[in-house]
N, C-alpha and C. Protein backbone atom coordinates (compact mmCIF):
# COMPACT_ATOMS: atom_id res chain seq x y z
N UNK A 1 0.89 -0.87 0.42
CA UNK A 1 -0.09 0.24 -0.32
C UNK A 1 1.16 1.38 -0.10
N UNK A 2 0.39 1.73 -1.16
CA UNK A 2 1.57 3.34 -0.64
C UNK A 2 1.24 4.48 -0.24
N UNK A 3 0.95 5.39 0.66
CA UNK A 3 0.36 6.06 1.02
C UNK A 3 1.21 7.49 -0.20
N UNK A 4 0.78 9.03 0.30
CA UNK A 4 0.39 9.71 -0.55
C UNK A 4 0.63 11.27 0.62
N UNK A 5 1.21 11.80 -0.08
CA UNK A 5 1.61 13.05 1.53
C UNK A 5 1.51 13.86 0.78
N UNK A 6 1.32 15.26 1.78
CA UNK A 6 1.18 15.99 0.45
C UNK A 6 0.67 17.21 1.89
N UNK A 7 1.36 18.38 1.47
CA UNK A 7 1.49 19.76 2.57
C UNK A 7 -0.18 20.55 2.22
N UNK A 8 -0.63 21.01 2.68
CA UNK A 8 -1.48 21.49 3.47
C UNK A 8 -1.31 23.40 2.58
N UNK A 9 -1.48 23.99 1.98
CA UNK A 9 -1.16 24.93 2.12
C UNK A 9 -2.50 26.21 2.96
N UNK A 10 -2.33 27.16 3.42
CA UNK A 10 -3.94 27.70 3.32
C UNK A 10 -4.73 27.86 2.77
N UNK A 11 -3.78 28.63 1.28
CA UNK A 11 -4.09 29.67 0.03
C UNK A 11 -5.22 27.79 -0.54
N UNK A 12 -4.08 27.00 0.52
CA UNK A 12 -5.12 25.50 -0.93
C UNK A 12 -6.86 25.24 -0.18
N UNK A 13 -6.85 26.01 1.31
CA UNK A 13 -8.59 26.00 1.34
C UNK A 13 -9.41 27.12 2.02
N UNK A 14 -8.53 28.44 1.39
CA UNK A 14 -9.58 29.09 0.43
C UNK A 14 -9.54 31.22 1.82
N UNK A 15 -7.77 30.18 2.61
CA UNK A 15 -7.06 30.80 4.12
C UNK A 15 -6.07 31.73 3.87
N UNK A 16 -6.18 32.75 3.88
CA UNK A 16 -4.77 33.28 3.54
C UNK A 16 -3.79 33.96 5.06
N UNK A 17 -3.50 34.33 4.17
CA UNK A 17 -2.09 34.53 5.91
C UNK A 17 -2.83 35.61 6.74
N UNK A 18 -3.69 36.45 5.83
CA UNK A 18 -4.00 37.79 5.66
C UNK A 18 -5.48 37.94 6.22
N UNK A 19 -6.52 36.93 5.90
CA UNK A 19 -7.97 35.92 6.71
C UNK A 19 -7.64 35.72 8.39
N UNK A 20 -6.46 34.56 8.56
CA UNK A 20 -5.94 34.19 9.92
C UNK A 20 -6.58 35.29 10.96
N UNK A 21 -5.65 36.87 10.71
CA UNK A 21 -5.21 37.71 11.01
C UNK A 21 -6.41 38.37 11.22
N UNK A 22 -7.29 38.49 10.54
CA UNK A 22 -8.08 39.72 9.81
C UNK A 22 -9.80 38.89 11.35
N UNK A 23 -9.45 37.73 11.13
CA UNK A 23 -10.45 35.91 11.65
C UNK A 23 -10.25 36.81 13.03
N UNK A 24 -8.67 37.10 13.65
CA UNK A 24 -9.16 37.17 15.20
C UNK A 24 -9.19 38.73 15.65
N UNK A 25 -8.90 39.43 14.44
CA UNK A 25 -9.75 40.88 15.34
C UNK A 25 -11.10 40.91 14.89
N UNK A 26 -11.80 40.33 14.30
CA UNK A 26 -13.18 40.64 13.70
C UNK A 26 -13.25 39.55 15.75
N UNK A 27 -13.09 38.89 15.50
CA UNK A 27 -13.00 37.78 17.16
C UNK A 27 -13.00 38.83 18.32
N UNK A 28 -11.31 39.57 18.64
CA UNK A 28 -11.55 40.54 19.48
C UNK A 28 -12.69 41.49 19.71
N UNK A 29 -12.88 42.31 17.85
CA UNK A 29 -13.43 43.27 18.24
C UNK A 29 -15.10 43.08 19.37
N UNK A 30 -15.30 41.41 18.65
CA UNK A 30 -16.90 40.46 19.16
C UNK A 30 -16.50 40.59 20.26
N UNK A 31 -15.41 40.39 21.09
CA UNK A 31 -15.48 40.25 22.51
C UNK A 31 -15.16 41.40 23.65
N UNK A 32 -15.38 42.13 22.84
CA UNK A 32 -15.04 44.04 23.10
C UNK A 32 -15.83 44.46 22.83
N UNK A 33 -16.93 44.70 22.04
CA UNK A 33 -18.27 45.06 21.81
C UNK A 33 -18.84 44.51 23.16
N UNK A 34 -19.22 42.94 23.26
CA UNK A 34 -19.31 42.01 24.39
C UNK A 34 -19.78 42.84 25.50
N UNK A 35 -17.90 43.00 25.44
CA UNK A 35 -17.89 43.60 27.65
C UNK A 35 -18.40 44.95 27.27
N UNK A 36 -18.04 45.69 26.58
CA UNK A 36 -18.79 47.29 26.29
C UNK A 36 -20.23 47.32 26.51
N UNK A 37 -20.74 46.09 26.39
CA UNK A 37 -22.68 45.67 26.19
C UNK A 37 -22.92 46.06 27.76
N UNK A 38 -22.21 44.28 28.29
CA UNK A 38 -22.13 44.59 29.75
C UNK A 38 -22.12 45.75 30.59
N UNK A 39 -20.98 46.40 30.31
CA UNK A 39 -20.71 47.48 30.93
C UNK A 39 -22.04 48.57 31.32
N UNK A 40 -21.63 49.01 29.83
CA UNK A 40 -23.14 49.56 29.31
C UNK A 40 -24.55 49.59 30.82
N UNK A 41 -24.95 48.08 30.73
CA UNK A 41 -25.49 47.84 31.32
C UNK A 41 -26.17 48.24 33.10
N UNK A 42 -24.22 47.41 33.49
CA UNK A 42 -24.07 47.68 34.42
C UNK A 42 -24.58 48.96 35.37
N UNK A 43 -24.28 49.84 34.03
CA UNK A 43 -23.93 51.23 34.90
C UNK A 43 -25.69 52.02 34.39
N UNK A 44 -26.01 51.83 33.73
CA UNK A 44 -27.46 52.15 33.41
C UNK A 44 -28.07 51.25 34.43
N UNK A 45 -28.24 49.84 35.54
CA UNK A 45 -29.13 49.09 36.56
C UNK A 45 -28.52 50.37 37.93
N UNK A 46 -26.91 51.04 37.52
CA UNK A 46 -26.92 51.49 39.00
C UNK A 46 -27.45 52.86 38.96
N UNK A 47 -27.97 53.30 37.92
CA UNK A 47 -28.84 54.93 37.50
C UNK A 47 -29.60 54.78 37.70
N UNK A 48 -30.07 53.99 37.74
CA UNK A 48 -31.86 53.23 37.77
C UNK A 48 -31.93 53.69 39.75
N UNK A 49 -31.03 52.15 40.42
CA UNK A 49 -30.93 52.35 40.88
C UNK A 49 -30.64 53.31 42.32
N UNK A 50 -30.04 53.77 41.95
CA UNK A 50 -29.91 55.60 42.53
C UNK A 50 -31.10 56.61 41.51
N UNK A 51 -32.01 56.56 40.92
CA UNK A 51 -32.61 57.46 41.13
C UNK A 51 -34.42 56.58 42.02
N UNK A 52 -34.29 55.84 42.20
CA UNK A 52 -35.73 54.88 43.28
C UNK A 52 -34.96 54.93 44.39
N UNK A 53 -33.35 55.30 45.00
CA UNK A 53 -33.62 55.55 45.46
C UNK A 53 -32.97 57.37 46.68
N UNK A 54 -32.96 58.17 45.35
CA UNK A 54 -33.66 59.31 45.49
C UNK A 54 -34.91 59.89 45.35
N UNK A 55 -35.91 58.54 44.28
CA UNK A 55 -37.23 59.08 45.08
C UNK A 55 -38.01 58.85 46.82
N UNK A 56 -37.78 57.58 46.63
CA UNK A 56 -37.59 56.57 47.88
C UNK A 56 -37.52 58.07 49.45
N UNK A 57 -35.89 58.39 49.26
CA UNK A 57 -35.89 60.29 50.52
C UNK A 57 -36.79 61.04 50.48
N UNK A 58 -36.61 61.78 49.00
CA UNK A 58 -36.78 62.79 49.66
C UNK A 58 -38.16 63.05 48.29
N UNK A 59 -38.68 62.23 47.47
CA UNK A 59 -39.60 62.53 46.45
C UNK A 59 -39.06 63.60 44.99
N UNK A 60 -40.24 63.29 44.32
CA UNK A 60 -39.91 63.57 44.13
C UNK A 60 -39.89 65.18 43.56
N UNK A 61 -40.43 65.95 44.29
CA UNK A 61 -39.84 67.85 44.72
C UNK A 61 -38.82 67.67 45.02
N UNK A 62 -38.03 66.81 45.92
CA UNK A 62 -36.74 67.08 46.05
C UNK A 62 -36.00 66.67 45.06
N UNK A 63 -36.18 65.64 44.21
CA UNK A 63 -35.15 65.07 42.85
C UNK A 63 -35.13 66.33 41.68
N UNK A 64 -36.35 67.15 42.03
CA UNK A 64 -36.43 68.60 40.69
C UNK A 64 -35.62 69.43 41.30
N UNK A 65 -35.94 70.02 42.78
CA UNK A 65 -35.03 71.05 43.08
C UNK A 65 -33.81 70.52 43.24
N UNK A 66 -33.11 69.98 43.20
CA UNK A 66 -31.39 69.22 43.55
C UNK A 66 -31.24 69.64 42.03
N UNK A 67 -31.52 68.81 41.07
CA UNK A 67 -31.08 68.93 40.23
C UNK A 67 -31.50 70.78 39.46
N UNK A 68 -32.51 71.40 39.77
CA UNK A 68 -32.30 72.52 39.31
C UNK A 68 -30.97 73.96 40.62
N UNK A 69 -31.25 73.08 41.48
CA UNK A 69 -29.80 73.99 41.71
C UNK A 69 -28.34 72.99 42.01
N UNK A 70 -28.94 72.28 41.18
CA UNK A 70 -26.92 71.89 40.58
C UNK A 70 -26.81 72.63 38.56
N UNK A 71 -27.62 73.14 38.37
CA UNK A 71 -27.52 73.31 37.14
C UNK A 71 -27.17 74.69 37.10
N UNK A 72 -28.61 75.37 38.77
CA UNK A 72 -28.26 76.72 37.99
C UNK A 72 -27.52 77.38 39.52
N UNK A 73 -26.26 75.91 39.81
CA UNK A 73 -25.47 76.68 41.16
C UNK A 73 -25.95 77.19 42.66
């Protein structure tokens, strides 16, 4: 029985050297966007918790009064 040995080049399977780097960059971008989305969600949740805490402590009128005072000085 005779065995045939052939080296496979990346170009033979349709993947060039530049394409491998691009695939890695795409995955890094996906992970970065995912992390950014999670951080954004956490910040938004924290904002809601702070707003609920402010409403529970002082009410709507106090929140509006504090907001106007913060803007006008």
